[in-house]
Amino acid sequence: MKVYQGLESFSKLDNAVVTTGTFDGVHIGHKQILKRVNEIAAKTKGESVLLTFYPHPRMVLQEDSDLKLLNTIEEKTELLREAGIQHLIIQPFTKEFSRTTSLEYVRDILVNTIGTKKLVIGYDHHFGRNREGSFEHLKDYGPIYGFEVEEISAQDIDDVKVSSTKIRRSVEEGDIETANTYSGSPYPISGVVIGGEKLGRQLGFPTANIKIGNKYKLVPPNGVYAVKVDYSGETFLGMMNIGKKPTFEKNGKQRFIEVHLLDFDADLYGEYLEIKLYKKIREEKKFDSKEELVAEIEKDEVRIRNYFENK
C-alpha cells in the first residue's frame, strides 16, 4: 500500500476505484466497503483508493469535543494495509478544508485530483461544506464528470450490528472481546517504549512502559489484559497492566501502560510496539505487600497462557 500525506502528493490515476471517510476503528462495517472497493478494482483492472482525514473532523469543527479515537493514524494505516487497499491518502483536515463545497469536492478532488471512475460509499454518506453533499448529489454529478457511484446498503452494513460508537462503548467498559468481535480484529495500543522505575524487573516481571503519542487515543479502563505483541518477526504473548500502580504509588494520579512479554528477554527501550488486546483478565487492585502482588501476577500469567491455549 502506498501512503500519501495529503492530496498534493498524489498523482492522478487512470482508473481509480475510491471510497472516502474517517474510518475510525476500521470495523467490520468499514471492511464491507473496503472489500467491495477491492473487488471492483480487481474486476475493472483499476486501483483501489481510500481518502481519509486527519485530525478527525469533529476535533476541528467542535473544539470542545471530548471524542476519543479508536485508532491512532499509525494504527489505522496498518489496519487499512491489512485490508488490501492500494493507495491511502491522508488529507489534513482544517477549517479551510471544511469549507470545500460538495461540487468542489467531487470535481476538484475526486475527479481532477484522484481520477475517480467508480466511487463506493456507505449508506447515509455526506460530504462537503456543512455535509451538504449526499448520494443523490453523487448520482447527479456522476454522468457529468464521468464516474459511477455505488452505495453499500444499510442492510448490508447493519446486518453486522456494528458501529464505531458500539466499539468505543465496549472499550470504555473494558469489554475487549466484544469490541474485537465488532471490529473484526484485536484492539490495538501502540507507542514507544520509554524508561520507567524498573519496578517490574524487581518483581521478576520486567515491563516495557508504553508512551502513546496521541492524546486522543481511547485507552481501556484500568486492569490487567491478555495481549499479543509482534516484535522482530515474532509474536509474543503478554500481560498488559493499565493503571496507577496502587501498591507502589500513594495517591497516584498518572496512568501507566506497561506490558510484560512472556518468554522474552531483550532490551526494548526506544522501540515502537503495537500491542493487540484480547481480553481483560482482572481489575487493578492494591496489594498489602510485594509478595502478594507477585503471587497474583503469577496467577495472571497462568490465566493468560490458558486463555490463548483455549482460544
C-alpha atoms as a PDB file:
ATOM      1  CA  MET A   1       0.000   0.000   0.000  1.00  0.00           C
ATOM      2  CA  LYS A   2       1.237   3.454  -0.909  1.00  0.00           C
ATOM      3  CA  VAL A   3       0.593   6.193   1.653  1.00  0.00           C
ATOM      4  CA  TYR A   4       0.297   9.868   0.704  1.00  0.00           C
ATOM      5  CA  GLN A   5       0.416  12.727   3.204  1.00  0.00           C
ATOM      6  CA  GLY A   6      -2.097  14.993   1.524  1.00  0.00           C
ATOM      7  CA  LEU A   7      -3.743  15.268  -1.885  1.00  0.00           C
ATOM      8  CA  GLU A   8      -0.932  17.393  -3.263  1.00  0.00           C
ATOM      9  CA  SER A   9       1.437  14.412  -3.137  1.00  0.00           C
ATOM     10  CA  PHE A  10      -0.933  12.122  -5.067  1.00  0.00           C
ATOM     11  CA  SER A  11      -0.649  11.585  -8.833  1.00  0.00           C
ATOM     12  CA  LYS A  12      -3.928  11.174 -10.692  1.00  0.00           C
ATOM     13  CA  LEU A  13      -4.803   7.608 -11.698  1.00  0.00           C
ATOM     14  CA  ASP A  14      -6.385   6.434 -14.933  1.00  0.00           C
ATOM     15  CA  ASN A  15      -8.920   4.173 -13.247  1.00  0.00           C
ATOM     16  CA  ALA A  16      -9.348   4.884  -9.549  1.00  0.00           C
ATOM     17  CA  VAL A  17     -11.921   2.949  -7.505  1.00  0.00           C
ATOM     18  CA  VAL A  18     -12.441   5.162  -4.480  1.00  0.00           C
ATOM     19  CA  THR A  19     -14.044   5.318  -1.073  1.00  0.00           C
ATOM     20  CA  THR A  20     -13.747   8.084   1.480  1.00  0.00           C
ATOM     21  CA  GLY A  21     -14.363   8.680   5.178  1.00  0.00           C
ATOM     22  CA  THR A  22     -12.764   8.805   8.615  1.00  0.00           C
ATOM     23  CA  PHE A  23     -12.780   5.009   9.083  1.00  0.00           C
ATOM     24  CA  ASP A  24     -12.008   5.219  12.815  1.00  0.00           C
ATOM     25  CA  GLY A  25     -11.737   1.677  14.128  1.00  0.00           C
ATOM     26  CA  VAL A  26     -11.750   0.086  10.639  1.00  0.00           C
ATOM     27  CA  HIS A  27     -14.573  -2.158  11.883  1.00  0.00           C
ATOM     28  CA  ILE A  28     -16.357  -4.935  10.007  1.00  0.00           C
ATOM     29  CA  GLY A  29     -18.837  -2.450   8.549  1.00  0.00           C
ATOM     30  CA  HIS A  30     -15.922  -0.486   7.084  1.00  0.00           C
ATOM     31  CA  LYS A  31     -14.389  -3.725   5.850  1.00  0.00           C
ATOM     32  CA  GLN A  32     -17.550  -4.453   3.854  1.00  0.00           C
ATOM     33  CA  ILE A  33     -16.943  -1.221   1.959  1.00  0.00           C
ATOM     34  CA  LEU A  34     -13.218  -1.864   1.515  1.00  0.00           C
ATOM     35  CA  LYS A  35     -13.879  -5.386   0.279  1.00  0.00           C
ATOM     36  CA  ARG A  36     -16.256  -4.053  -2.360  1.00  0.00           C
ATOM     37  CA  VAL A  37     -13.740  -1.402  -3.471  1.00  0.00           C
ATOM     38  CA  ASN A  38     -11.059  -4.056  -3.891  1.00  0.00           C
ATOM     39  CA  GLU A  39     -13.446  -6.359  -5.777  1.00  0.00           C
ATOM     40  CA  ILE A  40     -14.364  -3.652  -8.274  1.00  0.00           C
ATOM     41  CA  ALA A  41     -10.736  -2.605  -8.721  1.00  0.00           C
ATOM     42  CA  ALA A  42      -9.717  -6.185  -9.492  1.00  0.00           C
ATOM     43  CA  LYS A  43     -12.635  -6.701 -11.883  1.00  0.00           C
ATOM     44  CA  THR A  44     -12.100  -3.466 -13.804  1.00  0.00           C
ATOM     45  CA  LYS A  45      -8.273  -3.549 -13.685  1.00  0.00           C
ATOM     46  CA  GLY A  46      -8.354  -0.379 -11.640  1.00  0.00           C
ATOM     47  CA  GLU A  47      -6.608   0.688  -8.439  1.00  0.00           C
ATOM     48  CA  SER A  48      -8.246   0.968  -5.025  1.00  0.00           C
ATOM     49  CA  VAL A  49      -8.002   4.296  -3.184  1.00  0.00           C
ATOM     50  CA  LEU A  50      -9.122   5.460   0.258  1.00  0.00           C
ATOM     51  CA  LEU A  51      -9.246   9.164   1.024  1.00  0.00           C
ATOM     52  CA  THR A  52      -9.300   9.723   4.775  1.00  0.00           C
ATOM     53  CA  PHE A  53      -8.758  12.704   7.041  1.00  0.00           C
ATOM     54  CA  TYR A  54      -6.561  13.651   9.988  1.00  0.00           C
ATOM     55  CA  PRO A  55      -7.287  15.025  12.514  1.00  0.00           C
ATOM     56  CA  HIS A  56     -10.817  13.697  12.884  1.00  0.00           C
ATOM     57  CA  PRO A  57     -13.190  16.399  11.517  1.00  0.00           C
ATOM     58  CA  ARG A  58     -15.107  16.604  14.803  1.00  0.00           C
ATOM     59  CA  MET A  59     -11.921  17.645  16.602  1.00  0.00           C
ATOM     60  CA  VAL A  60     -11.511  20.572  14.211  1.00  0.00           C
ATOM     61  CA  LEU A  61     -15.123  21.668  13.907  1.00  0.00           C
ATOM     62  CA  GLN A  62     -16.107  21.043  17.531  1.00  0.00           C
ATOM     63  CA  GLU A  63     -13.199  22.361  19.543  1.00  0.00           C
ATOM     64  CA  ASP A  64     -14.804  21.326  22.829  1.00  0.00           C
ATOM     65  CA  SER A  65     -15.268  17.751  21.603  1.00  0.00           C
ATOM     66  CA  ASP A  66     -14.108  15.081  24.036  1.00  0.00           C
ATOM     67  CA  LEU A  67     -14.033  12.443  21.296  1.00  0.00           C
ATOM     68  CA  LYS A  68     -11.534   9.655  21.858  1.00  0.00           C
ATOM     69  CA  LEU A  69     -10.248   7.767  18.824  1.00  0.00           C
ATOM     70  CA  LEU A  70     -10.206   4.005  18.449  1.00  0.00           C
ATOM     71  CA  ASN A  71      -7.062   4.246  16.319  1.00  0.00           C
ATOM     72  CA  THR A  72      -4.058   6.483  16.069  1.00  0.00           C
ATOM     73  CA  ILE A  73      -3.226   7.341  12.473  1.00  0.00           C
ATOM     74  CA  GLU A  74      -0.406   4.748  12.580  1.00  0.00           C
ATOM     75  CA  GLU A  75      -2.782   2.034  13.800  1.00  0.00           C
ATOM     76  CA  LYS A  76      -5.409   2.934  11.211  1.00  0.00           C
ATOM     77  CA  THR A  77      -2.797   2.866   8.452  1.00  0.00           C
ATOM     78  CA  GLU A  78      -1.748  -0.657   9.423  1.00  0.00           C
ATOM     79  CA  LEU A  79      -5.357  -1.899   9.540  1.00  0.00           C
ATOM     80  CA  LEU A  80      -6.016  -0.453   6.095  1.00  0.00           C
ATOM     81  CA  ARG A  81      -2.853  -2.083   4.802  1.00  0.00           C
ATOM     82  CA  GLU A  82      -4.171  -5.410   6.069  1.00  0.00           C
ATOM     83  CA  ALA A  83      -7.492  -4.711   4.300  1.00  0.00           C
ATOM     84  CA  GLY A  84      -5.675  -4.625   0.955  1.00  0.00           C
ATOM     85  CA  ILE A  85      -6.180  -1.001  -0.111  1.00  0.00           C
ATOM     86  CA  GLN A  86      -3.569   0.007  -2.707  1.00  0.00           C
ATOM     87  CA  HIS A  87      -3.496   3.782  -2.142  1.00  0.00           C
ATOM     88  CA  LEU A  88      -4.151   5.613   1.132  1.00  0.00           C
ATOM     89  CA  ILE A  89      -4.420   9.413   1.048  1.00  0.00           C
ATOM     90  CA  ILE A  90      -4.303  11.066   4.488  1.00  0.00           C
ATOM     91  CA  GLN A  91      -5.627  14.560   3.918  1.00  0.00           C
ATOM     92  CA  PRO A  92      -5.028  17.151   6.680  1.00  0.00           C
ATOM     93  CA  PHE A  93      -8.435  18.327   7.855  1.00  0.00           C
ATOM     94  CA  THR A  94      -8.578  22.043   8.588  1.00  0.00           C
ATOM     95  CA  LYS A  95     -11.326  24.621   8.931  1.00  0.00           C
ATOM     96  CA  GLU A  96     -10.373  25.897   5.478  1.00  0.00           C
ATOM     97  CA  PHE A  97     -10.720  22.404   4.001  1.00  0.00           C
ATOM     98  CA  SER A  98     -14.103  22.035   5.736  1.00  0.00           C
ATOM     99  CA  ARG A  99     -15.428  24.901   3.612  1.00  0.00           C
ATOM    100  CA  THR A 100     -14.983  22.899   0.398  1.00  0.00           C
ATOM    101  CA  THR A 101     -18.374  22.703  -1.323  1.00  0.00           C
ATOM    102  CA  SER A 102     -19.819  19.397  -2.441  1.00  0.00           C
ATOM    103  CA  LEU A 103     -19.269  20.382  -6.070  1.00  0.00           C
ATOM    104  CA  GLU A 104     -15.619  21.322  -5.450  1.00  0.00           C
ATOM    105  CA  TYR A 105     -15.120  18.093  -3.513  1.00  0.00           C
ATOM    106  CA  VAL A 106     -16.394  15.976  -6.402  1.00  0.00           C
ATOM    107  CA  ARG A 107     -14.952  17.946  -9.339  1.00  0.00           C
ATOM    108  CA  ASP A 108     -11.616  19.134  -7.948  1.00  0.00           C
ATOM    109  CA  ILE A 109     -10.725  16.312  -5.552  1.00  0.00           C
ATOM    110  CA  LEU A 110     -12.428  13.065  -6.539  1.00  0.00           C
ATOM    111  CA  VAL A 111     -12.271  13.575 -10.313  1.00  0.00           C
ATOM    112  CA  ASN A 112      -9.474  16.010 -11.220  1.00  0.00           C
ATOM    113  CA  THR A 113      -7.007  15.060  -8.467  1.00  0.00           C
ATOM    114  CA  ILE A 114      -7.659  11.359  -7.832  1.00  0.00           C
ATOM    115  CA  GLY A 115      -9.136  10.225 -11.165  1.00  0.00           C
ATOM    116  CA  THR A 116     -12.240   8.534  -9.755  1.00  0.00           C
ATOM    117  CA  LYS A 117     -14.060   6.227 -12.152  1.00  0.00           C
ATOM    118  CA  LYS A 118     -16.049   4.343  -9.514  1.00  0.00           C
ATOM    119  CA  LEU A 119     -16.989   5.663  -6.074  1.00  0.00           C
ATOM    120  CA  VAL A 120     -18.185   3.327  -3.318  1.00  0.00           C
ATOM    121  CA  ILE A 121     -19.783   4.842  -0.216  1.00  0.00           C
ATOM    122  CA  GLY A 122     -21.605   3.664   2.874  1.00  0.00           C
ATOM    123  CA  TYR A 123     -25.277   4.467   3.285  1.00  0.00           C
ATOM    124  CA  ASP A 124     -26.195   7.929   4.527  1.00  0.00           C
ATOM    125  CA  HIS A 125     -22.794   9.275   3.449  1.00  0.00           C
ATOM    126  CA  HIS A 126     -22.476  13.072   3.431  1.00  0.00           C
ATOM    127  CA  PHE A 127     -19.630  15.273   2.287  1.00  0.00           C
ATOM    128  CA  GLY A 128     -18.646  18.854   1.539  1.00  0.00           C
ATOM    129  CA  ARG A 129     -19.363  22.066   3.419  1.00  0.00           C
ATOM    130  CA  ASN A 130     -21.956  21.565   6.165  1.00  0.00           C
ATOM    131  CA  ARG A 131     -22.330  17.947   4.949  1.00  0.00           C
ATOM    132  CA  GLU A 132     -24.427  19.282   2.076  1.00  0.00           C
ATOM    133  CA  GLY A 133     -23.479  16.507  -0.373  1.00  0.00           C
ATOM    134  CA  SER A 134     -25.392  13.208  -0.453  1.00  0.00           C
ATOM    135  CA  PHE A 135     -25.802  10.037  -2.511  1.00  0.00           C
ATOM    136  CA  GLU A 136     -28.406  11.835  -4.632  1.00  0.00           C
ATOM    137  CA  HIS A 137     -25.867  14.584  -5.426  1.00  0.00           C
ATOM    138  CA  LEU A 138     -23.309  11.971  -6.423  1.00  0.00           C
ATOM    139  CA  LYS A 139     -25.763  10.280  -8.788  1.00  0.00           C
ATOM    140  CA  ASP A 140     -26.356  13.666 -10.440  1.00  0.00           C
ATOM    141  CA  TYR A 141     -22.633  14.507 -10.669  1.00  0.00           C
ATOM    142  CA  GLY A 142     -21.610  11.076 -11.993  1.00  0.00           C
ATOM    143  CA  PRO A 143     -22.750  11.437 -15.617  1.00  0.00           C
ATOM    144  CA  ILE A 144     -21.367  14.987 -15.761  1.00  0.00           C
ATOM    145  CA  TYR A 145     -17.879  14.104 -14.517  1.00  0.00           C
ATOM    146  CA  GLY A 146     -17.596  10.566 -15.826  1.00  0.00           C
ATOM    147  CA  PHE A 147     -17.793   8.301 -12.775  1.00  0.00           C
ATOM    148  CA  GLU A 148     -20.201   5.753 -11.341  1.00  0.00           C
ATOM    149  CA  VAL A 149     -21.318   5.620  -7.723  1.00  0.00           C
ATOM    150  CA  GLU A 150     -22.375   2.637  -5.640  1.00  0.00           C
ATOM    151  CA  GLU A 151     -23.897   2.807  -2.179  1.00  0.00           C
ATOM    152  CA  ILE A 152     -23.449  -0.052   0.280  1.00  0.00           C
ATOM    153  CA  SER A 153     -26.958  -0.502   1.647  1.00  0.00           C
ATOM    154  CA  ALA A 154     -27.956  -0.020   5.252  1.00  0.00           C
ATOM    155  CA  GLN A 155     -28.932  -3.687   5.440  1.00  0.00           C
ATOM    156  CA  ASP A 156     -25.540  -4.897   4.228  1.00  0.00           C
ATOM    157  CA  ILE A 157     -23.795  -2.952   6.995  1.00  0.00           C
ATOM    158  CA  ASP A 158     -26.452  -3.048   9.721  1.00  0.00           C
ATOM    159  CA  ASP A 159     -26.740  -6.827   9.470  1.00  0.00           C
ATOM    160  CA  VAL A 160     -23.494  -6.962  11.434  1.00  0.00           C
ATOM    161  CA  LYS A 161     -24.933  -4.541  14.040  1.00  0.00           C
ATOM    162  CA  VAL A 162     -21.735  -2.592  14.310  1.00  0.00           C
ATOM    163  CA  SER A 163     -20.556   0.969  14.525  1.00  0.00           C
ATOM    164  CA  SER A 164     -17.591   2.846  15.884  1.00  0.00           C
ATOM    165  CA  THR A 165     -19.841   4.047  18.718  1.00  0.00           C
ATOM    166  CA  LYS A 166     -20.567   0.477  19.826  1.00  0.00           C
ATOM    167  CA  ILE A 167     -16.896  -0.447  19.683  1.00  0.00           C
ATOM    168  CA  ARG A 168     -15.977   2.686  21.637  1.00  0.00           C
ATOM    169  CA  ARG A 169     -18.537   1.846  24.338  1.00  0.00           C
ATOM    170  CA  SER A 170     -17.210  -1.713  24.655  1.00  0.00           C
ATOM    171  CA  VAL A 171     -13.619  -0.497  25.012  1.00  0.00           C
ATOM    172  CA  GLU A 172     -14.663   2.079  27.619  1.00  0.00           C
ATOM    173  CA  GLU A 173     -16.281  -0.730  29.616  1.00  0.00           C
ATOM    174  CA  GLY A 174     -13.216  -2.967  29.319  1.00  0.00           C
ATOM    175  CA  ASP A 175     -15.196  -5.485  27.250  1.00  0.00           C
ATOM    176  CA  ILE A 176     -12.380  -6.062  24.784  1.00  0.00           C
ATOM    177  CA  GLU A 177     -13.754  -9.336  23.446  1.00  0.00           C
ATOM    178  CA  THR A 178     -16.974  -7.648  22.300  1.00  0.00           C
ATOM    179  CA  ALA A 179     -15.030  -4.729  20.816  1.00  0.00           C
ATOM    180  CA  ASN A 180     -12.881  -7.205  18.880  1.00  0.00           C
ATOM    181  CA  THR A 181     -15.960  -9.027  17.600  1.00  0.00           C
ATOM    182  CA  TYR A 182     -17.413  -5.765  16.290  1.00  0.00           C
ATOM    183  CA  SER A 183     -14.155  -4.608  14.720  1.00  0.00           C
ATOM    184  CA  GLY A 184     -13.059  -7.964  13.328  1.00  0.00           C
ATOM    185  CA  SER A 185      -9.533  -7.532  14.707  1.00  0.00           C
ATOM    186  CA  PRO A 186      -7.840  -7.141  18.118  1.00  0.00           C
ATOM    187  CA  TYR A 187      -7.951  -3.687  19.689  1.00  0.00           C
ATOM    188  CA  PRO A 188      -4.517  -2.065  19.256  1.00  0.00           C
ATOM    189  CA  ILE A 189      -2.495   0.126  21.561  1.00  0.00           C
ATOM    190  CA  SER A 190       0.768   1.364  20.122  1.00  0.00           C
ATOM    191  CA  GLY A 191       3.578   3.584  21.265  1.00  0.00           C
ATOM    192  CA  VAL A 192       7.247   3.951  22.062  1.00  0.00           C
ATOM    193  CA  VAL A 193       8.920   2.082  24.927  1.00  0.00           C
ATOM    194  CA  ILE A 194      10.270   4.565  27.470  1.00  0.00           C
ATOM    195  CA  GLY A 195      12.299   4.209  30.641  1.00  0.00           C
ATOM    196  CA  GLY A 196      10.495   3.551  33.919  1.00  0.00           C
ATOM    197  CA  GLU A 197      11.235   2.854  37.553  1.00  0.00           C
ATOM    198  CA  LYS A 198      12.083  -0.812  36.832  1.00  0.00           C
ATOM    199  CA  LEU A 199       9.615  -1.998  39.459  1.00  0.00           C
ATOM    200  CA  GLY A 200       8.568  -4.887  37.260  1.00  0.00           C
ATOM    201  CA  ARG A 201      12.139  -6.117  36.998  1.00  0.00           C
ATOM    202  CA  GLN A 202      12.404  -6.091  40.801  1.00  0.00           C
ATOM    203  CA  LEU A 203       9.313  -8.314  40.925  1.00  0.00           C
ATOM    204  CA  GLY A 204      10.677 -10.736  38.326  1.00  0.00           C
ATOM    205  CA  PHE A 205       8.350  -9.488  35.588  1.00  0.00           C
ATOM    206  CA  PRO A 206      10.171  -6.754  33.623  1.00  0.00           C
ATOM    207  CA  THR A 207       7.785  -4.489  31.751  1.00  0.00           C
ATOM    208  CA  ALA A 208       8.001  -2.200  28.761  1.00  0.00           C
ATOM    209  CA  ASN A 209       6.461   1.174  29.579  1.00  0.00           C
ATOM    210  CA  ILE A 210       4.465   2.462  26.616  1.00  0.00           C
ATOM    211  CA  LYS A 211       4.115   6.139  25.743  1.00  0.00           C
ATOM    212  CA  ILE A 212       1.194   6.783  23.415  1.00  0.00           C
ATOM    213  CA  GLY A 213       1.936   9.663  21.061  1.00  0.00           C
ATOM    214  CA  ASN A 214      -1.696  10.667  20.513  1.00  0.00           C
ATOM    215  CA  LYS A 215      -3.588  12.125  23.487  1.00  0.00           C
ATOM    216  CA  TYR A 216      -6.905  11.379  21.769  1.00  0.00           C
ATOM    217  CA  LYS A 217      -6.365   7.624  21.715  1.00  0.00           C
ATOM    218  CA  LEU A 218      -9.040   5.735  23.658  1.00  0.00           C
ATOM    219  CA  VAL A 219      -7.320   3.709  26.394  1.00  0.00           C
ATOM    220  CA  PRO A 220      -9.354   0.955  28.112  1.00  0.00           C
ATOM    221  CA  PRO A 221     -10.059   1.165  31.856  1.00  0.00           C
ATOM    222  CA  ASN A 222      -7.510   0.145  34.469  1.00  0.00           C
ATOM    223  CA  GLY A 223      -6.814  -3.543  34.775  1.00  0.00           C
ATOM    224  CA  VAL A 224      -4.756  -6.473  33.514  1.00  0.00           C
ATOM    225  CA  TYR A 225      -5.184  -7.594  29.901  1.00  0.00           C
ATOM    226  CA  ALA A 226      -4.193 -10.592  27.804  1.00  0.00           C
ATOM    227  CA  VAL A 227      -2.288  -9.289  24.782  1.00  0.00           C
ATOM    228  CA  LYS A 228      -0.050 -10.241  21.889  1.00  0.00           C
ATOM    229  CA  VAL A 229       2.949  -8.236  20.733  1.00  0.00           C
ATOM    230  CA  ASP A 230       4.638  -8.535  17.340  1.00  0.00           C
ATOM    231  CA  TYR A 231       8.347  -7.829  17.583  1.00  0.00           C
ATOM    232  CA  SER A 232      11.264  -8.591  15.289  1.00  0.00           C
ATOM    233  CA  GLY A 233       9.265 -11.015  13.166  1.00  0.00           C
ATOM    234  CA  GLU A 234       7.867 -12.973  16.130  1.00  0.00           C
ATOM    235  CA  THR A 235       4.638 -12.837  18.088  1.00  0.00           C
ATOM    236  CA  PHE A 236       4.823 -12.951  21.880  1.00  0.00           C
ATOM    237  CA  LEU A 237       2.069 -13.439  24.426  1.00  0.00           C
ATOM    238  CA  GLY A 238       1.955 -10.728  27.015  1.00  0.00           C
ATOM    239  CA  MET A 239       0.400  -9.285  30.152  1.00  0.00           C
ATOM    240  CA  MET A 240      -0.550  -5.644  29.963  1.00  0.00           C
ATOM    241  CA  ASN A 241      -1.305  -3.539  33.020  1.00  0.00           C
ATOM    242  CA  ILE A 242      -3.110  -0.235  32.686  1.00  0.00           C
ATOM    243  CA  GLY A 243      -3.391   1.788  35.844  1.00  0.00           C
ATOM    244  CA  LYS A 244      -1.836   3.785  38.640  1.00  0.00           C
ATOM    245  CA  LYS A 245       0.301   1.135  40.405  1.00  0.00           C
ATOM    246  CA  PRO A 246      -1.675   1.427  43.657  1.00  0.00           C
ATOM    247  CA  THR A 247       0.620  -0.986  45.515  1.00  0.00           C
ATOM    248  CA  PHE A 248       3.555   1.390  44.993  1.00  0.00           C
ATOM    249  CA  GLU A 249       2.102   4.798  44.158  1.00  0.00           C
ATOM    250  CA  LYS A 250       0.357   6.556  47.016  1.00  0.00           C
ATOM    251  CA  ASN A 251      -2.466   8.775  45.765  1.00  0.00           C
ATOM    252  CA  GLY A 252      -1.100   8.324  42.247  1.00  0.00           C
ATOM    253  CA  LYS A 253      -2.877  10.265  39.519  1.00  0.00           C
ATOM    254  CA  GLN A 254      -0.803   9.298  36.485  1.00  0.00           C
ATOM    255  CA  ARG A 255      -1.915   6.268  34.487  1.00  0.00           C
ATOM    256  CA  PHE A 256       0.770   3.896  33.261  1.00  0.00           C
ATOM    257  CA  ILE A 257       0.620   1.431  30.389  1.00  0.00           C
ATOM    258  CA  GLU A 258       3.045  -1.454  30.873  1.00  0.00           C
ATOM    259  CA  VAL A 259       3.420  -4.767  29.089  1.00  0.00           C
ATOM    260  CA  HIS A 260       5.385  -7.871  30.090  1.00  0.00           C
ATOM    261  CA  LEU A 261       6.234 -10.179  27.192  1.00  0.00           C
ATOM    262  CA  LEU A 262       6.163 -13.860  28.085  1.00  0.00           C
ATOM    263  CA  ASP A 263       9.172 -15.992  27.140  1.00  0.00           C
ATOM    264  CA  PHE A 264      11.115 -12.909  26.118  1.00  0.00           C
ATOM    265  CA  ASP A 265      14.311 -11.274  27.338  1.00  0.00           C
ATOM    266  CA  ALA A 266      15.685  -8.288  25.419  1.00  0.00           C
ATOM    267  CA  ASP A 267      16.008  -4.516  25.697  1.00  0.00           C
ATOM    268  CA  LEU A 268      13.048  -2.729  24.098  1.00  0.00           C
ATOM    269  CA  TYR A 269      13.856   0.880  25.004  1.00  0.00           C
ATOM    270  CA  GLY A 270      13.103   3.219  22.123  1.00  0.00           C
ATOM    271  CA  GLU A 271      11.247   0.577  20.124  1.00  0.00           C
ATOM    272  CA  TYR A 272       7.796   1.246  18.660  1.00  0.00           C
ATOM    273  CA  LEU A 273       5.421  -1.550  19.686  1.00  0.00           C
ATOM    274  CA  GLU A 274       1.904  -2.359  18.575  1.00  0.00           C
ATOM    275  CA  ILE A 275       0.115  -4.344  21.234  1.00  0.00           C
ATOM    276  CA  LYS A 276      -3.073  -6.226  20.433  1.00  0.00           C
ATOM    277  CA  LEU A 277      -5.571  -6.607  23.252  1.00  0.00           C
ATOM    278  CA  TYR A 278      -7.717  -9.737  23.549  1.00  0.00           C
ATOM    279  CA  LYS A 279      -9.330  -9.900  26.999  1.00  0.00           C
ATOM    280  CA  LYS A 280      -9.441  -8.116  30.339  1.00  0.00           C
ATOM    281  CA  ILE A 281      -8.229 -10.623  32.928  1.00  0.00           C
ATOM    282  CA  ARG A 282      -8.952  -8.734  36.139  1.00  0.00           C
ATOM    283  CA  GLU A 283      -9.337  -5.327  37.731  1.00  0.00           C
ATOM    284  CA  GLU A 284      -6.346  -3.411  39.034  1.00  0.00           C
ATOM    285  CA  LYS A 285      -6.075  -3.671  42.828  1.00  0.00           C
ATOM    286  CA  LYS A 286      -3.851  -2.632  45.718  1.00  0.00           C
ATOM    287  CA  PHE A 287      -1.927  -5.381  47.477  1.00  0.00           C
ATOM    288  CA  ASP A 288      -0.622  -5.256  51.032  1.00  0.00           C
ATOM    289  CA  SER A 289       2.844  -6.487  50.061  1.00  0.00           C
ATOM    290  CA  LYS A 290       5.113  -7.139  47.091  1.00  0.00           C
ATOM    291  CA  GLU A 291       4.801 -10.859  47.792  1.00  0.00           C
ATOM    292  CA  GLU A 292       1.028 -10.763  47.389  1.00  0.00           C
ATOM    293  CA  LEU A 293       1.402  -8.793  44.170  1.00  0.00           C
ATOM    294  CA  VAL A 294       3.933 -11.274  42.745  1.00  0.00           C
ATOM    295  CA  ALA A 295       1.645 -14.181  43.631  1.00  0.00           C
ATOM    296  CA  GLU A 296      -1.235 -12.519  41.756  1.00  0.00           C
ATOM    297  CA  ILE A 297       0.946 -11.730  38.726  1.00  0.00           C
ATOM    298  CA  GLU A 298       1.957 -15.396  38.600  1.00  0.00           C
ATOM    299  CA  LYS A 299      -1.744 -16.299  38.541  1.00  0.00           C
ATOM    300  CA  ASP A 300      -2.276 -13.715  35.791  1.00  0.00           C
ATOM    301  CA  GLU A 301       0.378 -15.419  33.691  1.00  0.00           C
ATOM    302  CA  VAL A 302      -1.349 -18.794  34.087  1.00  0.00           C
ATOM    303  CA  ARG A 303      -4.718 -17.267  33.216  1.00  0.00           C
ATOM    304  CA  ILE A 304      -3.310 -15.629  30.090  1.00  0.00           C
ATOM    305  CA  ARG A 305      -1.475 -18.724  28.878  1.00  0.00           C
ATOM    306  CA  ASN A 306      -4.637 -20.810  29.402  1.00  0.00           C
ATOM    307  CA  TYR A 307      -6.744 -18.213  27.613  1.00  0.00           C
ATOM    308  CA  PHE A 308      -4.613 -18.286  24.472  1.00  0.00           C
ATOM    309  CA  GLU A 309      -4.234 -22.084  24.566  1.00  0.00           C
ATOM    310  CA  ASN A 310      -8.018 -22.457  24.596  1.00  0.00           C
ATOM    311  CA  LYS A 311      -8.777 -19.650  22.154  1.00  0.00           C
END
